[in-house]
Amino acid sequence: MDSKKEAAIMRVIMYGAEICPDCVEAKEILSKKSDIELDYRNITKSTALLKEFLAYRDHEELFAPVKERGGIGIPFFILEDGRKTFELSEFTEIDEIPSSETVRSCSLDGSRQC
């Protein structure tokens, strides 16, 4: 019975930063989901984690539009099947990260695009 329960849990790596409002909200949402095992990697915590994230950012085509608009590309998720995404909707029933009442942003233009 335990193996069935374990099989239902999806392991997700999330790269983010505590200074990014979308990352904070995504981490909070995913931490509360019983069917997600979250491996949160704060890219501002250590140079090693930042380098790990930058290796993806520098080499994955998924980041091209993000870099083109001057974004960072967080929150960034790697699913246990190897898929990479910026969208919670790709692996949860959540369409988007709910916006808070106050506009907070990690982008200079206020668009909330990290």
PDB file of N, CA and C in Angstrom:
ATOM      1  N   MET A   1       0.824  -1.193   0.000  1.00  0.00           N
ATOM      2  CA  MET A   1       0.000   0.000   0.000  1.00  0.00           C
ATOM      3  C   MET A   1       0.871   1.262   0.000  1.00  0.00           C
ATOM      4  N   ASP A   2       1.974   1.245   0.735  1.00  0.00           N
ATOM      5  CA  ASP A   2       2.859   2.395   0.767  1.00  0.00           C
ATOM      6  C   ASP A   2       3.466   2.678  -0.598  1.00  0.00           C
ATOM      7  N   SER A   3       3.782   1.631  -1.382  1.00  0.00           N
ATOM      8  CA  SER A   3       4.371   1.838  -2.697  1.00  0.00           C
ATOM      9  C   SER A   3       3.391   2.527  -3.634  1.00  0.00           C
ATOM     10  N   LYS A   4       2.077   2.240  -3.501  1.00  0.00           N
ATOM     11  CA  LYS A   4       1.080   2.945  -4.296  1.00  0.00           C
ATOM     12  C   LYS A   4       1.033   4.418  -3.905  1.00  0.00           C
ATOM     13  N   LYS A   5       1.110   4.670  -2.623  1.00  0.00           N
ATOM     14  CA  LYS A   5       1.088   6.047  -2.143  1.00  0.00           C
ATOM     15  C   LYS A   5       2.320   6.805  -2.637  1.00  0.00           C
ATOM     16  N   GLU A   6       3.487   6.168  -2.595  1.00  0.00           N
ATOM     17  CA  GLU A   6       4.705   6.796  -3.078  1.00  0.00           C
ATOM     18  C   GLU A   6       4.638   7.048  -4.572  1.00  0.00           C
ATOM     19  N   ALA A   7       4.054   6.137  -5.329  1.00  0.00           N
ATOM     20  CA  ALA A   7       3.966   6.269  -6.776  1.00  0.00           C
ATOM     21  C   ALA A   7       3.125   7.487  -7.170  1.00  0.00           C
ATOM     22  N   ALA A   8       2.181   7.882  -6.327  1.00  0.00           N
ATOM     23  CA  ALA A   8       1.315   9.014  -6.622  1.00  0.00           C
ATOM     24  C   ALA A   8       1.985  10.353  -6.346  1.00  0.00           C
ATOM     25  N   ILE A   9       3.131  10.339  -5.703  1.00  0.00           N
ATOM     26  CA  ILE A   9       3.821  11.585  -5.376  1.00  0.00           C
ATOM     27  C   ILE A   9       4.759  11.962  -6.514  1.00  0.00           C
ATOM     28  N   MET A  10       4.623  13.199  -6.988  1.00  0.00           N
ATOM     29  CA  MET A  10       5.484  13.706  -8.048  1.00  0.00           C
ATOM     30  C   MET A  10       6.621  14.511  -7.432  1.00  0.00           C
ATOM     31  N   ARG A  11       7.826  14.205  -7.837  1.00  0.00           N
ATOM     32  CA  ARG A  11       8.982  14.949  -7.365  1.00  0.00           C
ATOM     33  C   ARG A  11       9.254  16.105  -8.328  1.00  0.00           C
ATOM     34  N   VAL A  12       9.407  17.303  -7.760  1.00  0.00           N
ATOM     35  CA  VAL A  12       9.603  18.516  -8.548  1.00  0.00           C
ATOM     36  C   VAL A  12      10.780  19.297  -7.981  1.00  0.00           C
ATOM     37  N   ILE A  13      11.707  19.647  -8.846  1.00  0.00           N
ATOM     38  CA  ILE A  13      12.786  20.560  -8.474  1.00  0.00           C
ATOM     39  C   ILE A  13      12.328  21.956  -8.879  1.00  0.00           C
ATOM     40  N   MET A  14      12.454  22.891  -7.984  1.00  0.00           N
ATOM     41  CA  MET A  14      12.085  24.274  -8.275  1.00  0.00           C
ATOM     42  C   MET A  14      13.264  25.167  -7.991  1.00  0.00           C
ATOM     43  N   TYR A  15      13.688  25.922  -8.995  1.00  0.00           N
ATOM     44  CA  TYR A  15      14.702  26.955  -8.806  1.00  0.00           C
ATOM     45  C   TYR A  15      13.970  28.273  -8.621  1.00  0.00           C
ATOM     46  N   GLY A  16      14.361  29.014  -7.600  1.00  0.00           N
ATOM     47  CA  GLY A  16      13.717  30.278  -7.323  1.00  0.00           C
ATOM     48  C   GLY A  16      14.570  31.112  -6.394  1.00  0.00           C
ATOM     49  N   ALA A  17      13.964  32.185  -5.897  1.00  0.00           N
ATOM     50  CA  ALA A  17      14.643  33.084  -4.968  1.00  0.00           C
ATOM     51  C   ALA A  17      13.606  33.690  -4.037  1.00  0.00           C
ATOM     52  N   GLU A  18      13.990  33.891  -2.808  1.00  0.00           N
ATOM     53  CA  GLU A  18      13.076  34.466  -1.818  1.00  0.00           C
ATOM     54  C   GLU A  18      12.753  35.927  -2.119  1.00  0.00           C
ATOM     55  N   ILE A  19      13.491  36.561  -3.005  1.00  0.00           N
ATOM     56  CA  ILE A  19      13.229  37.954  -3.383  1.00  0.00           C
ATOM     57  C   ILE A  19      12.291  38.055  -4.582  1.00  0.00           C
ATOM     58  N   CYS A  20      11.853  36.912  -5.106  1.00  0.00           N
ATOM     59  CA  CYS A  20      10.938  36.863  -6.255  1.00  0.00           C
ATOM     60  C   CYS A  20       9.541  36.509  -5.748  1.00  0.00           C
ATOM     61  N   PRO A  21       8.574  37.422  -5.847  1.00  0.00           N
ATOM     62  CA  PRO A  21       7.230  37.153  -5.330  1.00  0.00           C
ATOM     63  C   PRO A  21       6.580  35.918  -5.947  1.00  0.00           C
ATOM     64  N   ASP A  22       6.755  35.701  -7.245  1.00  0.00           N
ATOM     65  CA  ASP A  22       6.160  34.518  -7.873  1.00  0.00           C
ATOM     66  C   ASP A  22       6.780  33.237  -7.331  1.00  0.00           C
ATOM     67  N   CYS A  23       8.068  33.268  -7.037  1.00  0.00           N
ATOM     68  CA  CYS A  23       8.745  32.098  -6.475  1.00  0.00           C
ATOM     69  C   CYS A  23       8.230  31.793  -5.079  1.00  0.00           C
ATOM     70  N   VAL A  24       8.082  32.829  -4.276  1.00  0.00           N
ATOM     71  CA  VAL A  24       7.592  32.653  -2.906  1.00  0.00           C
ATOM     72  C   VAL A  24       6.192  32.047  -2.940  1.00  0.00           C
ATOM     73  N   GLU A  25       5.330  32.572  -3.809  1.00  0.00           N
ATOM     74  CA  GLU A  25       3.963  32.073  -3.892  1.00  0.00           C
ATOM     75  C   GLU A  25       3.927  30.647  -4.438  1.00  0.00           C
ATOM     76  N   ALA A  26       4.729  30.356  -5.479  1.00  0.00           N
ATOM     77  CA  ALA A  26       4.763  29.002  -6.044  1.00  0.00           C
ATOM     78  C   ALA A  26       5.272  28.005  -5.012  1.00  0.00           C
ATOM     79  N   LYS A  27       6.314  28.375  -4.287  1.00  0.00           N
ATOM     80  CA  LYS A  27       6.862  27.486  -3.250  1.00  0.00           C
ATOM     81  C   LYS A  27       5.817  27.203  -2.179  1.00  0.00           C
ATOM     82  N   GLU A  28       5.092  28.224  -1.766  1.00  0.00           N
ATOM     83  CA  GLU A  28       4.060  28.051  -0.745  1.00  0.00           C
ATOM     84  C   GLU A  28       2.956  27.126  -1.249  1.00  0.00           C
ATOM     85  N   ILE A  29       2.512  27.319  -2.471  1.00  0.00           N
ATOM     86  CA  ILE A  29       1.457  26.478  -3.060  1.00  0.00           C
ATOM     87  C   ILE A  29       1.919  25.033  -3.134  1.00  0.00           C
ATOM     88  N   LEU A  30       3.115  24.807  -3.677  1.00  0.00           N
ATOM     89  CA  LEU A  30       3.608  23.446  -3.875  1.00  0.00           C
ATOM     90  C   LEU A  30       3.925  22.760  -2.551  1.00  0.00           C
ATOM     91  N   SER A  31       4.372  23.511  -1.566  1.00  0.00           N
ATOM     92  CA  SER A  31       4.687  22.937  -0.255  1.00  0.00           C
ATOM     93  C   SER A  31       3.445  22.388   0.436  1.00  0.00           C
ATOM     94  N   LYS A  32       2.284  22.928   0.103  1.00  0.00           N
ATOM     95  CA  LYS A  32       1.028  22.502   0.722  1.00  0.00           C
ATOM     96  C   LYS A  32       0.387  21.314   0.015  1.00  0.00           C
ATOM     97  N   LYS A  33       0.895  20.962  -1.163  1.00  0.00           N
ATOM     98  CA  LYS A  33       0.294  19.871  -1.934  1.00  0.00           C
ATOM     99  C   LYS A  33       0.863  18.530  -1.481  1.00  0.00           C
ATOM    100  N   SER A  34      -0.028  17.648  -1.059  1.00  0.00           N
ATOM    101  CA  SER A  34       0.408  16.343  -0.541  1.00  0.00           C
ATOM    102  C   SER A  34       0.921  15.416  -1.641  1.00  0.00           C
ATOM    103  N   ASP A  35       0.609  15.716  -2.897  1.00  0.00           N
ATOM    104  CA  ASP A  35       1.042  14.853  -3.999  1.00  0.00           C
ATOM    105  C   ASP A  35       2.326  15.356  -4.678  1.00  0.00           C
ATOM    106  N   ILE A  36       2.953  16.363  -4.080  1.00  0.00           N
ATOM    107  CA  ILE A  36       4.198  16.931  -4.621  1.00  0.00           C
ATOM    108  C   ILE A  36       5.297  16.826  -3.569  1.00  0.00           C
ATOM    109  N   GLU A  37       6.445  16.303  -3.986  1.00  0.00           N
ATOM    110  CA  GLU A  37       7.644  16.337  -3.149  1.00  0.00           C
ATOM    111  C   GLU A  37       8.533  17.416  -3.755  1.00  0.00           C
ATOM    112  N   LEU A  38       8.625  18.544  -3.075  1.00  0.00           N
ATOM    113  CA  LEU A  38       9.320  19.709  -3.599  1.00  0.00           C
ATOM    114  C   LEU A  38      10.772  19.756  -3.150  1.00  0.00           C
ATOM    115  N   ASP A  39      11.655  19.890  -4.117  1.00  0.00           N
ATOM    116  CA  ASP A  39      13.080  20.109  -3.867  1.00  0.00           C
ATOM    117  C   ASP A  39      13.353  21.557  -4.282  1.00  0.00           C
ATOM    118  N   TYR A  40      13.216  22.471  -3.323  1.00  0.00           N
ATOM    119  CA  TYR A  40      13.364  23.902  -3.601  1.00  0.00           C
ATOM    120  C   TYR A  40      14.834  24.295  -3.551  1.00  0.00           C
ATOM    121  N   ARG A  41      15.282  24.969  -4.611  1.00  0.00           N
ATOM    122  CA  ARG A  41      16.671  25.401  -4.702  1.00  0.00           C
ATOM    123  C   ARG A  41      16.719  26.921  -4.862  1.00  0.00           C
ATOM    124  N   ASN A  42      17.094  27.581  -3.771  1.00  0.00           N
ATOM    125  CA  ASN A  42      17.158  29.040  -3.726  1.00  0.00           C
ATOM    126  C   ASN A  42      18.466  29.494  -4.383  1.00  0.00           C
ATOM    127  N   ILE A  43      18.359  30.118  -5.560  1.00  0.00           N
ATOM    128  CA  ILE A  43      19.550  30.483  -6.327  1.00  0.00           C
ATOM    129  C   ILE A  43      20.348  31.616  -5.696  1.00  0.00           C
ATOM    130  N   THR A  44      19.772  32.284  -4.694  1.00  0.00           N
ATOM    131  CA  THR A  44      20.512  33.347  -4.006  1.00  0.00           C
ATOM    132  C   THR A  44      21.180  32.846  -2.735  1.00  0.00           C
ATOM    133  N   LYS A  45      21.012  31.558  -2.435  1.00  0.00           N
ATOM    134  CA  LYS A  45      21.571  31.001  -1.201  1.00  0.00           C
ATOM    135  C   LYS A  45      23.055  30.671  -1.311  1.00  0.00           C
ATOM    136  N   SER A  46      23.479  30.211  -2.493  1.00  0.00           N
ATOM    137  CA  SER A  46      24.888  29.851  -2.657  1.00  0.00           C
ATOM    138  C   SER A  46      25.306  29.996  -4.111  1.00  0.00           C
ATOM    139  N   THR A  47      26.576  30.191  -4.310  1.00  0.00           N
ATOM    140  CA  THR A  47      27.125  30.280  -5.658  1.00  0.00           C
ATOM    141  C   THR A  47      26.922  28.968  -6.403  1.00  0.00           C
ATOM    142  N   ALA A  48      27.038  27.848  -5.713  1.00  0.00           N
ATOM    143  CA  ALA A  48      26.855  26.541  -6.349  1.00  0.00           C
ATOM    144  C   ALA A  48      25.443  26.401  -6.923  1.00  0.00           C
ATOM    145  N   LEU A  49      24.411  26.806  -6.164  1.00  0.00           N
ATOM    146  CA  LEU A  49      23.035  26.727  -6.663  1.00  0.00           C
ATOM    147  C   LEU A  49      22.803  27.707  -7.805  1.00  0.00           C
ATOM    148  N   LEU A  50      23.393  28.876  -7.725  1.00  0.00           N
ATOM    149  CA  LEU A  50      23.277  29.842  -8.817  1.00  0.00           C
ATOM    150  C   LEU A  50      23.913  29.290 -10.086  1.00  0.00           C
ATOM    151  N   LYS A  51      25.095  28.697  -9.971  1.00  0.00           N
ATOM    152  CA  LYS A  51      25.768  28.106 -11.135  1.00  0.00           C
ATOM    153  C   LYS A  51      24.945  26.959 -11.722  1.00  0.00           C
ATOM    154  N   GLU A  52      24.357  26.165 -10.851  1.00  0.00           N
ATOM    155  CA  GLU A  52      23.513  25.051 -11.286  1.00  0.00           C
ATOM    156  C   GLU A  52      22.345  25.575 -12.135  1.00  0.00           C
ATOM    157  N   PHE A  53      21.684  26.622 -11.645  1.00  0.00           N
ATOM    158  CA  PHE A  53      20.584  27.237 -12.375  1.00  0.00           C
ATOM    159  C   PHE A  53      21.074  27.847 -13.687  1.00  0.00           C
ATOM    160  N   LEU A  54      22.185  28.575 -13.631  1.00  0.00           N
ATOM    161  CA  LEU A  54      22.701  29.236 -14.831  1.00  0.00           C
ATOM    162  C   LEU A  54      23.099  28.238 -15.921  1.00  0.00           C
ATOM    163  N   ALA A  55      23.512  27.045 -15.542  1.00  0.00           N
ATOM    164  CA  ALA A  55      23.826  26.017 -16.536  1.00  0.00           C
ATOM    165  C   ALA A  55      22.573  25.690 -17.355  1.00  0.00           C
ATOM    166  N   TYR A  56      21.414  25.621 -16.699  1.00  0.00           N
ATOM    167  CA  TYR A  56      20.160  25.421 -17.436  1.00  0.00           C
ATOM    168  C   TYR A  56      19.830  26.661 -18.259  1.00  0.00           C
ATOM    169  N   ARG A  57      19.909  27.821 -17.631  1.00  0.00           N
ATOM    170  CA  ARG A  57      19.530  29.063 -18.298  1.00  0.00           C
ATOM    171  C   ARG A  57      20.390  29.334 -19.530  1.00  0.00           C
ATOM    172  N   ASP A  58      21.651  29.010 -19.442  1.00  0.00           N
ATOM    173  CA  ASP A  58      22.569  29.286 -20.551  1.00  0.00           C
ATOM    174  C   ASP A  58      22.446  28.290 -21.698  1.00  0.00           C
ATOM    175  N   HIS A  59      21.905  27.090 -21.430  1.00  0.00           N
ATOM    176  CA  HIS A  59      21.926  26.046 -22.450  1.00  0.00           C
ATOM    177  C   HIS A  59      20.568  25.517 -22.888  1.00  0.00           C
ATOM    178  N   GLU A  60      19.506  25.856 -22.204  1.00  0.00           N
ATOM    179  CA  GLU A  60      18.173  25.358 -22.553  1.00  0.00           C
ATOM    180  C   GLU A  60      17.448  26.371 -23.441  1.00  0.00           C
ATOM    181  N   GLU A  61      16.930  25.901 -24.564  1.00  0.00           N
ATOM    182  CA  GLU A  61      16.208  26.750 -25.507  1.00  0.00           C
ATOM    183  C   GLU A  61      14.966  27.378 -24.873  1.00  0.00           C
ATOM    184  N   LEU A  62      14.401  26.702 -23.878  1.00  0.00           N
ATOM    185  CA  LEU A  62      13.229  27.191 -23.164  1.00  0.00           C
ATOM    186  C   LEU A  62      13.446  28.613 -22.620  1.00  0.00           C
ATOM    187  N   PHE A  63      14.694  28.954 -22.300  1.00  0.00           N
ATOM    188  CA  PHE A  63      15.003  30.255 -21.707  1.00  0.00           C
ATOM    189  C   PHE A  63      15.181  31.375 -22.735  1.00  0.00           C
ATOM    190  N   ALA A  64      15.247  31.056 -24.021  1.00  0.00           N
ATOM    191  CA  ALA A  64      15.520  32.075 -25.050  1.00  0.00           C
ATOM    192  C   ALA A  64      14.562  33.263 -24.974  1.00  0.00           C
ATOM    193  N   PRO A  65      13.234  33.040 -24.943  1.00  0.00           N
ATOM    194  CA  PRO A  65      12.333  34.198 -24.857  1.00  0.00           C
ATOM    195  C   PRO A  65      12.480  34.971 -23.550  1.00  0.00           C
ATOM    196  N   VAL A  66      12.775  34.258 -22.473  1.00  0.00           N
ATOM    197  CA  VAL A  66      12.954  34.902 -21.171  1.00  0.00           C
ATOM    198  C   VAL A  66      14.157  35.845 -21.223  1.00  0.00           C
ATOM    199  N   LYS A  67      15.268  35.341 -21.744  1.00  0.00           N
ATOM    200  CA  LYS A  67      16.481  36.159 -21.840  1.00  0.00           C
ATOM    201  C   LYS A  67      16.287  37.317 -22.807  1.00  0.00           C
ATOM    202  N   GLU A  68      15.529  37.085 -23.880  1.00  0.00           N
ATOM    203  CA  GLU A  68      15.276  38.123 -24.875  1.00  0.00           C
ATOM    204  C   GLU A  68      14.554  39.322 -24.263  1.00  0.00           C
ATOM    205  N   ARG A  69      13.636  39.050 -23.335  1.00  0.00           N
ATOM    206  CA  ARG A  69      12.904  40.152 -22.704  1.00  0.00           C
ATOM    207  C   ARG A  69      13.607  40.671 -21.446  1.00  0.00           C
ATOM    208  N   GLY A  70      14.784  40.105 -21.126  1.00  0.00           N
ATOM    209  CA  GLY A  70      15.553  40.580 -19.982  1.00  0.00           C
ATOM    210  C   GLY A  70      15.170  39.947 -18.667  1.00  0.00           C
ATOM    211  N   GLY A  71      14.458  38.822 -18.713  1.00  0.00           N
ATOM    212  CA  GLY A  71      14.023  38.142 -17.492  1.00  0.00           C
ATOM    213  C   GLY A  71      15.077  37.191 -16.958  1.00  0.00           C
ATOM    214  N   ILE A  72      14.820  36.682 -15.769  1.00  0.00           N
ATOM    215  CA  ILE A  72      15.724  35.737 -15.112  1.00  0.00           C
ATOM    216  C   ILE A  72      15.323  34.304 -15.448  1.00  0.00           C
ATOM    217  N   GLY A  73      14.024  34.010 -15.396  1.00  0.00           N
ATOM    218  CA  GLY A  73      13.532  32.672 -15.684  1.00  0.00           C
ATOM    219  C   GLY A  73      13.185  31.869 -14.452  1.00  0.00           C
ATOM    220  N   ILE A  74      12.705  32.554 -13.413  1.00  0.00           N
ATOM    221  CA  ILE A  74      12.276  31.879 -12.200  1.00  0.00           C
ATOM    222  C   ILE A  74      10.847  32.309 -11.889  1.00  0.00           C
ATOM    223  N   PRO A  75      10.065  31.469 -11.288  1.00  0.00           N
ATOM    224  CA  PRO A  75      10.375  30.111 -10.887  1.00  0.00           C
ATOM    225  C   PRO A  75      10.537  29.191 -12.104  1.00  0.00           C
ATOM    226  N   PHE A  76      11.451  28.242 -11.964  1.00  0.00           N
ATOM    227  CA  PHE A  76      11.769  27.270 -12.999  1.00  0.00           C
ATOM    228  C   PHE A  76      11.633  25.889 -12.384  1.00  0.00           C
ATOM    229  N   PHE A  77      10.879  25.016 -13.055  1.00  0.00           N
ATOM    230  CA  PHE A  77      10.573  23.702 -12.517  1.00  0.00           C
ATOM    231  C   PHE A  77      11.138  22.601 -13.407  1.00  0.00           C
ATOM    232  N   ILE A  78      11.705  21.581 -12.780  1.00  0.00           N
ATOM    233  CA  ILE A  78      12.111  20.368 -13.492  1.00  0.00           C
ATOM    234  C   ILE A  78      11.310  19.230 -12.882  1.00  0.00           C
ATOM    235  N   LEU A  79      10.519  18.572 -13.722  1.00  0.00           N
ATOM    236  CA  LEU A  79       9.665  17.489 -13.258  1.00  0.00           C
ATOM    237  C   LEU A  79      10.432  16.181 -13.279  1.00  0.00           C
ATOM    238  N   GLU A  80       9.945  15.209 -12.535  1.00  0.00           N
ATOM    239  CA  GLU A  80      10.678  13.950 -12.402  1.00  0.00           C
ATOM    240  C   GLU A  80      10.839  13.204 -13.719  1.00  0.00           C
ATOM    241  N   ASP A  81       9.981  13.495 -14.713  1.00  0.00           N
ATOM    242  CA  ASP A  81      10.126  12.849 -16.014  1.00  0.00           C
ATOM    243  C   ASP A  81      11.098  13.615 -16.929  1.00  0.00           C
ATOM    244  N   GLY A  82      11.708  14.684 -16.385  1.00  0.00           N
ATOM    245  CA  GLY A  82      12.698  15.442 -17.134  1.00  0.00           C
ATOM    246  C   GLY A  82      12.160  16.690 -17.818  1.00  0.00           C
ATOM    247  N   ARG A  83      10.843  16.832 -17.856  1.00  0.00           N
ATOM    248  CA  ARG A  83      10.269  18.041 -18.472  1.00  0.00           C
ATOM    249  C   ARG A  83      10.671  19.267 -17.673  1.00  0.00           C
ATOM    250  N   LYS A  84      10.854  20.374 -18.388  1.00  0.00           N
ATOM    251  CA  LYS A  84      11.218  21.643 -17.774  1.00  0.00           C
ATOM    252  C   LYS A  84      10.164  22.681 -18.147  1.00  0.00           C
ATOM    253  N   THR A  85       9.780  23.493 -17.175  1.00  0.00           N
ATOM    254  CA  THR A  85       8.713  24.458 -17.415  1.00  0.00           C
ATOM    255  C   THR A  85       8.807  25.632 -16.437  1.00  0.00           C
ATOM    256  N   PHE A  86       8.114  26.694 -16.800  1.00  0.00           N
ATOM    257  CA  PHE A  86       7.933  27.835 -15.905  1.00  0.00           C
ATOM    258  C   PHE A  86       6.502  27.862 -15.358  1.00  0.00           C
ATOM    259  N   GLU A  87       5.656  26.948 -15.830  1.00  0.00           N
ATOM    260  CA  GLU A  87       4.225  26.993 -15.558  1.00  0.00           C
ATOM    261  C   GLU A  87       3.757  25.908 -14.591  1.00  0.00           C
ATOM    262  N   LEU A  88       3.090  26.326 -13.524  1.00  0.00           N
ATOM    263  CA  LEU A  88       2.480  25.374 -12.589  1.00  0.00           C
ATOM    264  C   LEU A  88       1.413  24.541 -13.285  1.00  0.00           C
ATOM    265  N   SER A  89       0.728  25.120 -14.258  1.00  0.00           N
ATOM    266  CA  SER A  89      -0.370  24.430 -14.934  1.00  0.00           C
ATOM    267  C   SER A  89       0.090  23.196 -15.708  1.00  0.00           C
ATOM    268  N   GLU A  90       1.378  23.070 -15.955  1.00  0.00           N
ATOM    269  CA  GLU A  90       1.883  21.909 -16.679  1.00  0.00           C
ATOM    270  C   GLU A  90       1.929  20.652 -15.809  1.00  0.00           C
ATOM    271  N   PHE A  91       1.843  20.822 -14.485  1.00  0.00           N
ATOM    272  CA  PHE A  91       1.903  19.639 -13.626  1.00  0.00           C
ATOM    273  C   PHE A  91       0.981  19.711 -12.410  1.00  0.00           C
ATOM    274  N   THR A  92       0.155  20.741 -12.335  1.00  0.00           N
ATOM    275  CA  THR A  92      -0.852  20.848 -11.277  1.00  0.00           C
ATOM    276  C   THR A  92      -2.157  21.332 -11.908  1.00  0.00           C
ATOM    277  N   GLU A  93      -3.197  21.388 -11.115  1.00  0.00           N
ATOM    278  CA  GLU A  93      -4.474  21.921 -11.583  1.00  0.00           C
ATOM    279  C   GLU A  93      -4.517  23.445 -11.482  1.00  0.00           C
ATOM    280  N   ILE A  94      -3.444  24.059 -11.068  1.00  0.00           N
ATOM    281  CA  ILE A  94      -3.372  25.509 -10.899  1.00  0.00           C
ATOM    282  C   ILE A  94      -3.002  26.144 -12.234  1.00  0.00           C
ATOM    283  N   ASP A  95      -3.835  27.081 -12.702  1.00  0.00           N
ATOM    284  CA  ASP A  95      -3.586  27.726 -13.990  1.00  0.00           C
ATOM    285  C   ASP A  95      -2.445  28.729 -13.931  1.00  0.00           C
ATOM    286  N   GLU A  96      -2.410  29.501 -12.867  1.00  0.00           N
ATOM    287  CA  GLU A  96      -1.341  30.480 -12.711  1.00  0.00           C
ATOM    288  C   GLU A  96      -1.161  30.802 -11.243  1.00  0.00           C
ATOM    289  N   ILE A  97      -0.047  31.423 -10.933  1.00  0.00           N
ATOM    290  CA  ILE A  97       0.207  31.844  -9.561  1.00  0.00           C
ATOM    291  C   ILE A  97      -0.720  33.020  -9.268  1.00  0.00           C
ATOM    292  N   PRO A  98      -1.535  32.909  -8.227  1.00  0.00           N
ATOM    293  CA  PRO A  98      -2.455  34.008  -7.923  1.00  0.00           C
ATOM    294  C   PRO A  98      -1.703  35.289  -7.601  1.00  0.00           C
ATOM    295  N   SER A  99      -2.179  36.381  -8.149  1.00  0.00           N
ATOM    296  CA  SER A  99      -1.557  37.682  -7.872  1.00  0.00           C
ATOM    297  C   SER A  99      -2.004  38.180  -6.511  1.00  0.00           C
ATOM    298  N   SER A 100      -1.084  38.762  -5.801  1.00  0.00           N
ATOM    299  CA  SER A 100      -1.452  39.344  -4.516  1.00  0.00           C
ATOM    300  C   SER A 100      -2.120  40.692  -4.771  1.00  0.00           C
ATOM    301  N   GLU A 101      -2.757  41.218  -3.748  1.00  0.00           N
ATOM    302  CA  GLU A 101      -3.451  42.492  -3.907  1.00  0.00           C
ATOM    303  C   GLU A 101      -2.480  43.628  -4.202  1.00  0.00           C
ATOM    304  N   THR A 102      -1.321  43.609  -3.595  1.00  0.00           N
ATOM    305  CA  THR A 102      -0.331  44.635  -3.873  1.00  0.00           C
ATOM    306  C   THR A 102       0.565  44.147  -5.000  1.00  0.00           C
ATOM    307  N   VAL A 103       0.887  45.027  -5.908  1.00  0.00           N
ATOM    308  CA  VAL A 103       1.729  44.647  -7.034  1.00  0.00           C
ATOM    309  C   VAL A 103       3.173  44.613  -6.562  1.00  0.00           C
ATOM    310  N   ARG A 104       3.739  43.417  -6.599  1.00  0.00           N
ATOM    311  CA  ARG A 104       5.137  43.239  -6.270  1.00  0.00           C
ATOM    312  C   ARG A 104       5.770  42.637  -7.504  1.00  0.00           C
ATOM    313  N   SER A 105       6.999  42.943  -7.729  1.00  0.00           N
ATOM    314  CA  SER A 105       7.599  42.435  -8.952  1.00  0.00           C
ATOM    315  C   SER A 105       9.079  42.298  -8.798  1.00  0.00           C
ATOM    316  N   CYS A 106       9.644  41.310  -9.481  1.00  0.00           N
ATOM    317  CA  CYS A 106      11.092  41.211  -9.525  1.00  0.00           C
ATOM    318  C   CYS A 106      11.607  41.709 -10.870  1.00  0.00           C
ATOM    319  N   SER A 107      10.728  42.304 -11.681  1.00  0.00           N
ATOM    320  CA  SER A 107      11.148  42.898 -12.934  1.00  0.00           C
ATOM    321  C   SER A 107      11.138  44.415 -12.774  1.00  0.00           C
ATOM    322  N   LEU A 108      11.921  45.067 -13.564  1.00  0.00           N
ATOM    323  CA  LEU A 108      12.013  46.529 -13.469  1.00  0.00           C
ATOM    324  C   LEU A 108      10.774  47.230 -13.995  1.00  0.00           C
ATOM    325  N   ASP A 109      10.073  46.607 -14.939  1.00  0.00           N
ATOM    326  CA  ASP A 109       8.915  47.263 -15.541  1.00  0.00           C
ATOM    327  C   ASP A 109       7.597  46.980 -14.814  1.00  0.00           C
ATOM    328  N   GLY A 110       7.650  46.215 -13.712  1.00  0.00           N
ATOM    329  CA  GLY A 110       6.446  45.933 -12.934  1.00  0.00           C
ATOM    330  C   GLY A 110       5.557  44.863 -13.517  1.00  0.00           C
ATOM    331  N   SER A 111       6.043  44.120 -14.499  1.00  0.00           N
ATOM    332  CA  SER A 111       5.210  43.117 -15.185  1.00  0.00           C
ATOM    333  C   SER A 111       5.167  41.776 -14.453  1.00  0.00           C
ATOM    334  N   ARG A 112       5.881  41.629 -13.349  1.00  0.00           N
ATOM    335  CA  ARG A 112       5.969  40.385 -12.590  1.00  0.00           C
ATOM    336  C   ARG A 112       6.661  39.285 -13.383  1.00  0.00           C
ATOM    337  N   GLN A 113       7.353  39.620 -14.426  1.00  0.00           N
ATOM    338  CA  GLN A 113       8.069  38.630 -15.233  1.00  0.00           C
ATOM    339  C   GLN A 113       9.491  38.491 -14.715  1.00  0.00           C
ATOM    340  N   CYS A 114       9.761  37.377 -14.064  1.00  0.00           N
ATOM    341  CA  CYS A 114      11.084  37.158 -13.507  1.00  0.00           C
ATOM    342  C   CYS A 114      11.924  36.458 -14.524  1.00  0.00           C
TER     343      CYS A 114
END
